[in-house]
Amino acid sequence: MKKDDSNGSNLAAELEQIQAKLAKIAAEQGDDASPIKAKLMDLAKQTDRLSSQLEEKEAPPKEVTDAKTILVVDDNEDFRGIIDATFARTDYKVLIAASSEAALALFKASEKVHLVMTDIFLPGMNGPTLVQQLRELEPGIKVIFMSGYVEENIVSQEVENVMSSGATFLQKPFALTDLLETVDRELAKS
C-alpha cells in the first residue's frame, strides 16, 4: 500500500529556487538591453508560470478514511523514528508509543486499531502482557511481535513462547521491505 512518491510541492519549491537564481543572474547582468538578460528574464517568467500551474493542479491531501491503523510499540527512539518514516510512505495510519502504558492509552483513545506491532521486551509491562490486555479490549486484534534478542537462552525462551502461540514474529534487525510485506500479510488474514 505505497503512496505515490511524486511530490508536487517539492517541484514547486525547486521551480521557485530556479526562478530566484535566474532573477539574481539577470540582475547581475546590468545592461537592460543585453540579450542574455532578456533570455534570463524570459526563463524566470516561464518558471513562474510553471510554478503557478503546478500550484493550481495540486489538490489538498485527501483524507484516507479507510486506512488501516497500526499501533507500534518500541522503547528505542531511533527504531520508532525509522518505523514512522517507513509508514509515512504508505496508506497506513500509524500510532507510535514508547511504552506499553502509552500504547494502552493510545489504543483506548483510538476509534479502531487493526494491528499492533510490539517489541517483546519493554521496560515495565512487556509486549506479551500488553497484548493480553489489548485482547481483553479487542479479542481479534492482529499482532506482530518483534525482538532483537534471540540468542540468549532466557530471552530465546520468551521468543519461543510468543512464536508457539501462533503470533507473527519479526527478528530485528529486519529489512523494511520485509516489515511492509509482513504487515500486509498479517492485515490480509481473516
N, C-alpha and C. Protein backbone atom coordinates (compact mmCIF):
# COMPACT_ATOMS: atom_id res chain seq x y z
N MET A 1 0.82 -1.19 0.00
CA MET A 1 0.00 0.00 0.00
C MET A 1 0.87 1.26 0.00
N LYS A 2 1.73 1.38 -0.97
CA LYS A 2 2.61 2.53 -1.04
C LYS A 2 1.93 3.70 -1.70
N LYS A 3 2.25 4.89 -1.20
CA LYS A 3 1.73 6.12 -1.79
C LYS A 3 2.54 6.47 -3.02
N ASP A 4 1.99 7.32 -3.84
CA ASP A 4 2.70 7.85 -4.99
C ASP A 4 3.82 8.74 -4.46
N ASP A 5 5.04 8.47 -4.90
CA ASP A 5 6.18 9.22 -4.39
C ASP A 5 6.36 10.59 -5.04
N SER A 6 5.59 10.91 -6.10
CA SER A 6 5.75 12.20 -6.73
C SER A 6 5.26 13.27 -5.77
N ASN A 7 5.99 14.34 -5.69
CA ASN A 7 5.64 15.37 -4.73
C ASN A 7 5.66 16.71 -5.41
N GLY A 8 4.50 17.20 -5.78
CA GLY A 8 4.37 18.46 -6.49
C GLY A 8 4.88 19.65 -5.71
N SER A 9 4.72 19.63 -4.39
CA SER A 9 5.18 20.78 -3.61
C SER A 9 6.70 20.89 -3.65
N ASN A 10 7.42 19.77 -3.71
CA ASN A 10 8.87 19.82 -3.85
C ASN A 10 9.25 20.42 -5.20
N LEU A 11 8.54 20.03 -6.24
CA LEU A 11 8.80 20.56 -7.57
C LEU A 11 8.53 22.07 -7.60
N ALA A 12 7.45 22.48 -6.97
CA ALA A 12 7.13 23.91 -6.92
C ALA A 12 8.24 24.68 -6.20
N ALA A 13 8.74 24.12 -5.11
CA ALA A 13 9.82 24.78 -4.36
C ALA A 13 11.08 24.87 -5.21
N GLU A 14 11.38 23.80 -5.96
CA GLU A 14 12.56 23.81 -6.83
C GLU A 14 12.39 24.85 -7.93
N LEU A 15 11.20 24.96 -8.50
CA LEU A 15 10.95 25.97 -9.53
C LEU A 15 11.15 27.38 -8.98
N GLU A 16 10.70 27.60 -7.76
CA GLU A 16 10.87 28.92 -7.13
C GLU A 16 12.35 29.22 -6.93
N GLN A 17 13.13 28.21 -6.53
CA GLN A 17 14.57 28.42 -6.35
C GLN A 17 15.25 28.74 -7.68
N ILE A 18 14.86 28.03 -8.73
CA ILE A 18 15.42 28.29 -10.06
C ILE A 18 15.06 29.71 -10.50
N GLN A 19 13.80 30.07 -10.27
CA GLN A 19 13.35 31.42 -10.66
C GLN A 19 14.17 32.48 -9.93
N ALA A 20 14.41 32.29 -8.65
CA ALA A 20 15.18 33.27 -7.86
C ALA A 20 16.61 33.36 -8.37
N LYS A 21 17.21 32.23 -8.71
CA LYS A 21 18.58 32.23 -9.23
C LYS A 21 18.64 32.94 -10.58
N LEU A 22 17.66 32.68 -11.45
CA LEU A 22 17.62 33.35 -12.75
C LEU A 22 17.48 34.85 -12.59
N ALA A 23 16.61 35.27 -11.69
CA ALA A 23 16.42 36.70 -11.46
C ALA A 23 17.70 37.34 -10.92
N LYS A 24 18.40 36.63 -10.04
CA LYS A 24 19.65 37.16 -9.48
C LYS A 24 20.70 37.31 -10.58
N ILE A 25 20.83 36.28 -11.42
CA ILE A 25 21.81 36.34 -12.52
C ILE A 25 21.45 37.46 -13.48
N ALA A 26 20.15 37.61 -13.77
CA ALA A 26 19.71 38.67 -14.67
C ALA A 26 20.04 40.05 -14.10
N ALA A 27 19.85 40.20 -12.80
CA ALA A 27 20.15 41.49 -12.16
C ALA A 27 21.64 41.79 -12.21
N GLU A 28 22.47 40.75 -12.14
CA GLU A 28 23.91 40.95 -12.18
C GLU A 28 24.41 41.32 -13.58
N GLN A 29 23.59 41.09 -14.61
CA GLN A 29 23.98 41.39 -15.99
C GLN A 29 24.09 42.89 -16.23
N GLY A 30 23.34 43.67 -15.46
CA GLY A 30 23.47 45.12 -15.54
C GLY A 30 22.76 45.75 -16.72
N ASP A 31 23.21 45.55 -17.92
CA ASP A 31 22.68 46.20 -19.13
C ASP A 31 21.28 45.65 -19.44
N ASP A 32 20.27 46.53 -19.37
CA ASP A 32 18.89 46.12 -19.62
C ASP A 32 18.67 45.63 -21.04
N ALA A 33 19.49 46.05 -21.98
CA ALA A 33 19.32 45.66 -23.38
C ALA A 33 20.07 44.38 -23.72
N SER A 34 20.78 43.83 -22.77
CA SER A 34 21.58 42.62 -23.02
C SER A 34 20.68 41.45 -23.44
N PRO A 35 21.04 40.74 -24.53
CA PRO A 35 20.25 39.58 -24.96
C PRO A 35 20.26 38.47 -23.92
N ILE A 36 21.35 38.34 -23.17
CA ILE A 36 21.42 37.32 -22.12
C ILE A 36 20.42 37.66 -21.02
N LYS A 37 20.38 38.95 -20.64
CA LYS A 37 19.46 39.36 -19.57
C LYS A 37 18.02 39.15 -20.03
N ALA A 38 17.72 39.46 -21.27
CA ALA A 38 16.36 39.27 -21.79
C ALA A 38 15.97 37.78 -21.74
N LYS A 39 16.91 36.91 -22.13
CA LYS A 39 16.64 35.47 -22.12
C LYS A 39 16.44 34.98 -20.68
N LEU A 40 17.26 35.46 -19.74
CA LEU A 40 17.13 35.07 -18.34
C LEU A 40 15.78 35.52 -17.77
N MET A 41 15.37 36.72 -18.13
CA MET A 41 14.09 37.24 -17.64
C MET A 41 12.94 36.40 -18.21
N ASP A 42 13.08 36.00 -19.48
CA ASP A 42 12.06 35.16 -20.11
C ASP A 42 11.99 33.79 -19.41
N LEU A 43 13.14 33.21 -19.10
CA LEU A 43 13.17 31.94 -18.38
C LEU A 43 12.55 32.07 -16.99
N ALA A 44 12.82 33.19 -16.32
CA ALA A 44 12.25 33.42 -14.99
C ALA A 44 10.73 33.50 -15.08
N LYS A 45 10.19 34.14 -16.12
CA LYS A 45 8.74 34.22 -16.29
C LYS A 45 8.15 32.84 -16.58
N GLN A 46 8.87 32.03 -17.36
CA GLN A 46 8.38 30.68 -17.67
C GLN A 46 8.31 29.82 -16.41
N THR A 47 9.33 29.92 -15.58
CA THR A 47 9.31 29.13 -14.34
C THR A 47 8.21 29.62 -13.41
N ASP A 48 7.94 30.93 -13.44
CA ASP A 48 6.86 31.48 -12.63
C ASP A 48 5.52 30.90 -13.09
N ARG A 49 5.31 30.84 -14.41
CA ARG A 49 4.07 30.27 -14.95
C ARG A 49 3.95 28.78 -14.59
N LEU A 50 5.06 28.04 -14.72
CA LEU A 50 5.04 26.62 -14.37
C LEU A 50 4.72 26.42 -12.89
N SER A 51 5.30 27.25 -12.06
CA SER A 51 5.05 27.16 -10.62
C SER A 51 3.57 27.42 -10.32
N SER A 52 3.00 28.44 -10.96
CA SER A 52 1.58 28.76 -10.76
C SER A 52 0.69 27.63 -11.23
N GLN A 53 1.01 27.06 -12.39
CA GLN A 53 0.21 25.95 -12.92
C GLN A 53 0.28 24.75 -12.00
N LEU A 54 1.46 24.49 -11.47
CA LEU A 54 1.64 23.36 -10.58
C LEU A 54 0.82 23.54 -9.31
N GLU A 55 0.85 24.73 -8.74
CA GLU A 55 0.09 25.01 -7.53
C GLU A 55 -1.41 24.84 -7.77
N GLU A 56 -1.89 25.25 -8.95
CA GLU A 56 -3.31 25.11 -9.28
C GLU A 56 -3.70 23.65 -9.38
N LYS A 57 -2.80 22.80 -9.89
CA LYS A 57 -3.11 21.38 -10.07
C LYS A 57 -3.05 20.60 -8.77
N GLU A 58 -2.32 21.12 -7.80
CA GLU A 58 -2.20 20.40 -6.53
C GLU A 58 -3.52 20.48 -5.78
N ALA A 59 -4.04 19.34 -5.44
CA ALA A 59 -5.25 19.28 -4.63
C ALA A 59 -4.85 19.12 -3.18
N PRO A 60 -5.68 19.58 -2.26
CA PRO A 60 -5.35 19.34 -0.86
C PRO A 60 -5.30 17.84 -0.60
N PRO A 61 -4.44 17.41 0.34
CA PRO A 61 -4.34 15.97 0.59
C PRO A 61 -5.69 15.39 0.98
N LYS A 62 -6.04 14.28 0.34
CA LYS A 62 -7.33 13.69 0.64
C LYS A 62 -7.26 12.91 1.94
N GLU A 63 -8.32 12.97 2.66
CA GLU A 63 -8.45 12.23 3.91
C GLU A 63 -8.66 10.76 3.58
N VAL A 64 -7.78 9.92 4.06
CA VAL A 64 -7.92 8.49 3.80
C VAL A 64 -8.76 7.92 4.94
N THR A 65 -10.02 7.65 4.64
CA THR A 65 -10.91 7.19 5.70
C THR A 65 -10.87 5.69 5.90
N ASP A 66 -10.43 4.96 4.88
CA ASP A 66 -10.39 3.51 5.01
C ASP A 66 -8.99 2.99 5.33
N ALA A 67 -8.10 3.87 5.75
CA ALA A 67 -6.73 3.46 6.08
C ALA A 67 -6.74 2.58 7.33
N LYS A 68 -5.94 1.55 7.28
CA LYS A 68 -5.79 0.66 8.44
C LYS A 68 -4.87 1.34 9.44
N THR A 69 -5.19 1.20 10.71
CA THR A 69 -4.39 1.81 11.77
C THR A 69 -3.50 0.77 12.42
N ILE A 70 -2.23 1.12 12.55
CA ILE A 70 -1.23 0.25 13.16
C ILE A 70 -0.68 0.95 14.40
N LEU A 71 -0.67 0.25 15.50
CA LEU A 71 -0.08 0.74 16.74
C LEU A 71 1.29 0.08 16.90
N VAL A 72 2.34 0.89 16.91
CA VAL A 72 3.72 0.39 17.04
C VAL A 72 4.22 0.74 18.43
N VAL A 73 4.76 -0.27 19.13
CA VAL A 73 5.24 -0.07 20.50
C VAL A 73 6.70 -0.53 20.57
N ASP A 74 7.59 0.42 20.85
CA ASP A 74 9.01 0.09 20.99
C ASP A 74 9.67 1.17 21.84
N ASP A 75 10.58 0.76 22.71
CA ASP A 75 11.23 1.72 23.60
C ASP A 75 12.45 2.38 22.98
N ASN A 76 12.87 1.96 21.79
CA ASN A 76 14.03 2.55 21.14
C ASN A 76 13.61 3.71 20.24
N GLU A 77 14.04 4.90 20.60
CA GLU A 77 13.63 6.12 19.88
C GLU A 77 14.05 6.10 18.41
N ASP A 78 15.27 5.67 18.13
CA ASP A 78 15.74 5.61 16.74
C ASP A 78 14.89 4.64 15.92
N PHE A 79 14.58 3.49 16.51
CA PHE A 79 13.77 2.50 15.81
C PHE A 79 12.38 3.06 15.52
N ARG A 80 11.79 3.74 16.51
CA ARG A 80 10.46 4.34 16.31
C ARG A 80 10.51 5.36 15.17
N GLY A 81 11.58 6.13 15.08
CA GLY A 81 11.71 7.11 14.00
C GLY A 81 11.78 6.45 12.63
N ILE A 82 12.53 5.36 12.54
CA ILE A 82 12.64 4.64 11.27
C ILE A 82 11.28 4.06 10.87
N ILE A 83 10.59 3.48 11.83
CA ILE A 83 9.27 2.89 11.55
C ILE A 83 8.30 3.98 11.13
N ASP A 84 8.31 5.10 11.82
CA ASP A 84 7.42 6.21 11.48
C ASP A 84 7.69 6.69 10.06
N ALA A 85 8.96 6.86 9.72
CA ALA A 85 9.32 7.32 8.37
C ALA A 85 8.92 6.28 7.31
N THR A 86 9.07 5.01 7.63
CA THR A 86 8.70 3.96 6.70
C THR A 86 7.20 3.97 6.43
N PHE A 87 6.41 4.04 7.47
CA PHE A 87 4.96 4.01 7.29
C PHE A 87 4.40 5.32 6.74
N ALA A 88 5.17 6.40 6.84
CA ALA A 88 4.72 7.67 6.28
C ALA A 88 4.58 7.57 4.76
N ARG A 89 5.27 6.62 4.15
CA ARG A 89 5.22 6.43 2.70
C ARG A 89 4.15 5.43 2.28
N THR A 90 3.28 5.05 3.21
CA THR A 90 2.22 4.08 2.92
C THR A 90 0.86 4.73 3.18
N ASP A 91 -0.18 3.97 2.94
CA ASP A 91 -1.53 4.46 3.23
C ASP A 91 -1.99 4.08 4.64
N TYR A 92 -1.09 3.49 5.42
CA TYR A 92 -1.46 3.13 6.78
C TYR A 92 -1.41 4.34 7.68
N LYS A 93 -2.30 4.35 8.67
CA LYS A 93 -2.24 5.35 9.73
C LYS A 93 -1.47 4.69 10.87
N VAL A 94 -0.47 5.38 11.40
CA VAL A 94 0.39 4.78 12.40
C VAL A 94 0.35 5.57 13.70
N LEU A 95 0.18 4.84 14.78
CA LEU A 95 0.28 5.40 16.13
C LEU A 95 1.54 4.81 16.74
N ILE A 96 2.34 5.64 17.38
CA ILE A 96 3.61 5.15 17.92
C ILE A 96 3.69 5.44 19.41
N ALA A 97 4.07 4.40 20.16
CA ALA A 97 4.19 4.52 21.61
C ALA A 97 5.55 4.02 22.06
N ALA A 98 6.09 4.67 23.09
CA ALA A 98 7.40 4.30 23.62
C ALA A 98 7.29 3.30 24.76
N SER A 99 6.08 3.04 25.24
CA SER A 99 5.90 2.11 26.36
C SER A 99 4.55 1.41 26.23
N SER A 100 4.40 0.34 26.97
CA SER A 100 3.13 -0.38 26.97
C SER A 100 2.01 0.48 27.54
N GLU A 101 2.34 1.24 28.56
CA GLU A 101 1.34 2.10 29.18
C GLU A 101 0.83 3.16 28.19
N ALA A 102 1.76 3.76 27.44
CA ALA A 102 1.36 4.74 26.43
C ALA A 102 0.56 4.06 25.31
N ALA A 103 0.93 2.84 24.98
CA ALA A 103 0.22 2.09 23.94
C ALA A 103 -1.22 1.81 24.36
N LEU A 104 -1.41 1.41 25.62
CA LEU A 104 -2.77 1.17 26.12
C LEU A 104 -3.62 2.43 26.01
N ALA A 105 -3.03 3.56 26.40
CA ALA A 105 -3.77 4.82 26.33
C ALA A 105 -4.14 5.17 24.88
N LEU A 106 -3.19 5.01 23.96
CA LEU A 106 -3.46 5.28 22.54
C LEU A 106 -4.53 4.34 22.00
N PHE A 107 -4.45 3.08 22.36
CA PHE A 107 -5.41 2.08 21.91
C PHE A 107 -6.81 2.44 22.36
N LYS A 108 -6.95 2.81 23.62
CA LYS A 108 -8.26 3.16 24.18
C LYS A 108 -8.82 4.44 23.56
N ALA A 109 -7.93 5.36 23.19
CA ALA A 109 -8.37 6.64 22.62
C ALA A 109 -8.65 6.56 21.13
N SER A 110 -8.22 5.49 20.49
CA SER A 110 -8.39 5.35 19.04
C SER A 110 -9.72 4.71 18.70
N GLU A 111 -10.26 5.14 17.56
CA GLU A 111 -11.51 4.57 17.09
C GLU A 111 -11.36 3.09 16.77
N LYS A 112 -10.30 2.74 16.03
CA LYS A 112 -10.06 1.35 15.65
C LYS A 112 -8.58 1.16 15.39
N VAL A 113 -8.00 0.12 15.97
CA VAL A 113 -6.63 -0.28 15.69
C VAL A 113 -6.72 -1.66 15.04
N HIS A 114 -6.13 -1.79 13.85
CA HIS A 114 -6.21 -3.03 13.10
C HIS A 114 -5.06 -3.99 13.39
N LEU A 115 -3.92 -3.43 13.80
CA LEU A 115 -2.73 -4.25 14.02
C LEU A 115 -1.87 -3.61 15.08
N VAL A 116 -1.30 -4.44 15.95
CA VAL A 116 -0.35 -3.97 16.95
C VAL A 116 1.00 -4.62 16.64
N MET A 117 2.03 -3.79 16.55
CA MET A 117 3.41 -4.28 16.42
C MET A 117 4.12 -3.89 17.71
N THR A 118 4.57 -4.87 18.45
CA THR A 118 5.22 -4.56 19.72
C THR A 118 6.50 -5.34 19.91
N ASP A 119 7.47 -4.67 20.51
CA ASP A 119 8.68 -5.35 20.93
C ASP A 119 8.27 -6.29 22.07
N ILE A 120 8.93 -7.42 22.15
CA ILE A 120 8.63 -8.36 23.24
C ILE A 120 9.14 -7.80 24.56
N PHE A 121 10.34 -7.23 24.54
CA PHE A 121 10.99 -6.78 25.77
C PHE A 121 10.90 -5.27 25.88
N LEU A 122 10.01 -4.82 26.75
CA LEU A 122 9.82 -3.40 27.01
C LEU A 122 10.02 -3.18 28.50
N PRO A 123 10.50 -1.99 28.88
CA PRO A 123 10.59 -1.72 30.32
C PRO A 123 9.17 -1.67 30.91
N GLY A 124 9.04 -2.11 32.13
CA GLY A 124 7.70 -2.16 32.73
C GLY A 124 6.95 -3.36 32.19
N MET A 125 5.78 -3.13 31.65
CA MET A 125 4.96 -4.21 31.09
C MET A 125 5.55 -4.67 29.75
N ASN A 126 5.82 -5.98 29.63
CA ASN A 126 6.42 -6.47 28.39
C ASN A 126 5.36 -6.60 27.28
N GLY A 127 5.82 -6.88 26.07
CA GLY A 127 4.93 -6.96 24.92
C GLY A 127 3.83 -8.00 25.04
N PRO A 128 4.14 -9.26 25.44
CA PRO A 128 3.08 -10.26 25.57
C PRO A 128 2.00 -9.87 26.59
N THR A 129 2.40 -9.25 27.69
CA THR A 129 1.42 -8.81 28.69
C THR A 129 0.56 -7.68 28.12
N LEU A 130 1.19 -6.77 27.38
CA LEU A 130 0.44 -5.69 26.72
C LEU A 130 -0.61 -6.30 25.79
N VAL A 131 -0.20 -7.26 24.98
CA VAL A 131 -1.13 -7.87 24.02
C VAL A 131 -2.28 -8.56 24.75
N GLN A 132 -2.00 -9.21 25.88
CA GLN A 132 -3.08 -9.82 26.68
C GLN A 132 -4.11 -8.77 27.06
N GLN A 133 -3.62 -7.63 27.53
CA GLN A 133 -4.54 -6.57 27.96
C GLN A 133 -5.30 -5.98 26.77
N LEU A 134 -4.62 -5.83 25.63
CA LEU A 134 -5.30 -5.30 24.45
C LEU A 134 -6.36 -6.28 23.95
N ARG A 135 -6.07 -7.57 24.05
CA ARG A 135 -7.05 -8.57 23.59
C ARG A 135 -8.25 -8.66 24.52
N GLU A 136 -8.12 -8.21 25.75
CA GLU A 136 -9.30 -8.10 26.62
C GLU A 136 -10.22 -7.00 26.11
N LEU A 137 -9.63 -5.97 25.51
CA LEU A 137 -10.41 -4.86 24.94
C LEU A 137 -10.90 -5.17 23.53
N GLU A 138 -10.08 -5.86 22.76
CA GLU A 138 -10.35 -6.18 21.35
C GLU A 138 -9.83 -7.60 21.07
N PRO A 139 -10.67 -8.61 21.30
CA PRO A 139 -10.20 -10.00 21.20
C PRO A 139 -9.55 -10.39 19.87
N GLY A 140 -9.98 -9.84 18.77
CA GLY A 140 -9.45 -10.26 17.48
C GLY A 140 -8.29 -9.43 16.95
N ILE A 141 -7.70 -8.60 17.79
CA ILE A 141 -6.63 -7.71 17.31
C ILE A 141 -5.47 -8.53 16.75
N LYS A 142 -4.98 -8.10 15.61
CA LYS A 142 -3.83 -8.78 14.98
C LYS A 142 -2.55 -8.22 15.58
N VAL A 143 -1.54 -9.11 15.70
CA VAL A 143 -0.32 -8.73 16.40
C VAL A 143 0.91 -9.23 15.65
N ILE A 144 1.93 -8.38 15.63
CA ILE A 144 3.26 -8.78 15.19
C ILE A 144 4.21 -8.47 16.35
N PHE A 145 4.89 -9.50 16.84
CA PHE A 145 5.90 -9.29 17.87
C PHE A 145 7.25 -9.09 17.20
N MET A 146 8.09 -8.28 17.85
CA MET A 146 9.44 -8.02 17.33
C MET A 146 10.43 -8.15 18.48
N SER A 147 11.65 -8.55 18.14
CA SER A 147 12.72 -8.55 19.12
C SER A 147 14.06 -8.72 18.42
N GLY A 148 15.07 -8.14 19.02
CA GLY A 148 16.43 -8.33 18.54
C GLY A 148 17.19 -9.31 19.42
N TYR A 149 16.54 -9.74 20.50
CA TYR A 149 17.19 -10.64 21.46
C TYR A 149 16.71 -12.05 21.24
N VAL A 150 17.41 -12.79 20.41
CA VAL A 150 17.01 -14.18 20.18
C VAL A 150 18.14 -15.16 20.44
N GLU A 151 19.30 -14.68 20.81
CA GLU A 151 20.45 -15.56 21.02
C GLU A 151 20.60 -16.04 22.46
N GLU A 152 20.18 -15.23 23.41
CA GLU A 152 20.34 -15.60 24.81
C GLU A 152 19.31 -16.65 25.22
N ASN A 153 19.70 -17.58 26.10
CA ASN A 153 18.82 -18.69 26.47
C ASN A 153 17.50 -18.24 27.08
N ILE A 154 17.52 -17.36 28.05
CA ILE A 154 16.30 -16.94 28.72
C ILE A 154 15.42 -16.16 27.74
N VAL A 155 16.04 -15.27 27.03
CA VAL A 155 15.30 -14.46 26.07
C VAL A 155 14.74 -15.33 24.96
N SER A 156 15.51 -16.28 24.48
CA SER A 156 15.04 -17.17 23.43
C SER A 156 13.79 -17.93 23.86
N GLN A 157 13.71 -18.28 25.15
CA GLN A 157 12.52 -18.98 25.65
C GLN A 157 11.30 -18.08 25.54
N GLU A 158 11.44 -16.82 25.87
CA GLU A 158 10.33 -15.87 25.76
C GLU A 158 9.90 -15.72 24.30
N VAL A 159 10.86 -15.62 23.40
CA VAL A 159 10.56 -15.53 21.97
C VAL A 159 9.87 -16.82 21.51
N GLU A 160 10.38 -17.96 21.96
CA GLU A 160 9.79 -19.25 21.60
C GLU A 160 8.34 -19.32 22.07
N ASN A 161 8.06 -18.83 23.28
CA ASN A 161 6.68 -18.81 23.79
C ASN A 161 5.77 -18.00 22.89
N VAL A 162 6.26 -16.84 22.45
CA VAL A 162 5.47 -15.98 21.56
C VAL A 162 5.23 -16.69 20.23
N MET A 163 6.28 -17.27 19.67
CA MET A 163 6.16 -17.92 18.37
C MET A 163 5.25 -19.15 18.45
N SER A 164 5.32 -19.90 19.54
CA SER A 164 4.48 -21.09 19.66
C SER A 164 3.01 -20.73 19.88
N SER A 165 2.74 -19.50 20.22
CA SER A 165 1.35 -19.06 20.41
C SER A 165 0.66 -18.80 19.06
N GLY A 166 1.42 -18.87 17.97
CA GLY A 166 0.85 -18.63 16.65
C GLY A 166 0.97 -17.19 16.21
N ALA A 167 1.56 -16.36 17.04
CA ALA A 167 1.73 -14.95 16.69
C ALA A 167 2.81 -14.79 15.63
N THR A 168 2.71 -13.74 14.86
CA THR A 168 3.72 -13.43 13.86
C THR A 168 4.90 -12.78 14.57
N PHE A 169 6.11 -13.15 14.17
CA PHE A 169 7.32 -12.65 14.81
C PHE A 169 8.30 -12.13 13.76
N LEU A 170 8.85 -10.95 14.01
CA LEU A 170 9.91 -10.38 13.17
C LEU A 170 11.16 -10.22 14.03
N GLN A 171 12.25 -10.79 13.57
CA GLN A 171 13.51 -10.65 14.29
C GLN A 171 14.22 -9.38 13.82
N LYS A 172 14.57 -8.52 14.78
CA LYS A 172 15.33 -7.30 14.47
C LYS A 172 16.80 -7.68 14.33
N PRO A 173 17.53 -7.02 13.50
CA PRO A 173 17.06 -6.05 12.52
C PRO A 173 16.42 -6.77 11.33
N PHE A 174 15.45 -6.09 10.72
CA PHE A 174 14.80 -6.66 9.55
C PHE A 174 14.79 -5.61 8.44
N ALA A 175 14.67 -6.10 7.23
CA ALA A 175 14.59 -5.19 6.08
C ALA A 175 13.22 -4.52 6.10
N LEU A 176 13.17 -3.26 5.73
CA LEU A 176 11.91 -2.54 5.74
C LEU A 176 10.92 -3.15 4.75
N THR A 177 11.41 -3.72 3.67
CA THR A 177 10.51 -4.39 2.73
C THR A 177 9.89 -5.62 3.40
N ASP A 178 10.67 -6.33 4.22
CA ASP A 178 10.12 -7.47 4.97
C ASP A 178 9.05 -7.01 5.95
N LEU A 179 9.30 -5.88 6.59
CA LEU A 179 8.32 -5.31 7.51
C LEU A 179 7.00 -5.04 6.79
N LEU A 180 7.08 -4.33 5.68
CA LEU A 180 5.85 -3.96 4.96
C LEU A 180 5.13 -5.20 4.43
N GLU A 181 5.87 -6.16 3.93
CA GLU A 181 5.24 -7.41 3.45
C GLU A 181 4.57 -8.16 4.59
N THR A 182 5.22 -8.20 5.74
CA THR A 182 4.64 -8.88 6.91
C THR A 182 3.38 -8.18 7.38
N VAL A 183 3.42 -6.86 7.41
CA VAL A 183 2.23 -6.09 7.81
C VAL A 183 1.09 -6.34 6.82
N ASP A 184 1.36 -6.26 5.53
CA ASP A 184 0.33 -6.52 4.52
C ASP A 184 -0.25 -7.92 4.69
N ARG A 185 0.61 -8.89 4.88
CA ARG A 185 0.18 -10.28 5.02
C ARG A 185 -0.69 -10.47 6.27
N GLU A 186 -0.25 -9.86 7.37
CA GLU A 186 -0.99 -10.00 8.64
C GLU A 186 -2.36 -9.34 8.53
N LEU A 187 -2.42 -8.17 7.92
CA LEU A 187 -3.70 -7.47 7.78
C LEU A 187 -4.63 -8.17 6.80
N ALA A 188 -4.08 -8.95 5.87
CA ALA A 188 -4.91 -9.66 4.90
C ALA A 188 -5.55 -10.92 5.50
N LYS A 189 -5.03 -11.37 6.64
CA LYS A 189 -5.62 -12.56 7.29
C LYS A 189 -7.03 -12.24 7.75
N SER A 190 -7.90 -13.26 7.70
CA SER A 190 -9.29 -13.06 8.15
C SER A 190 -9.38 -13.08 9.65
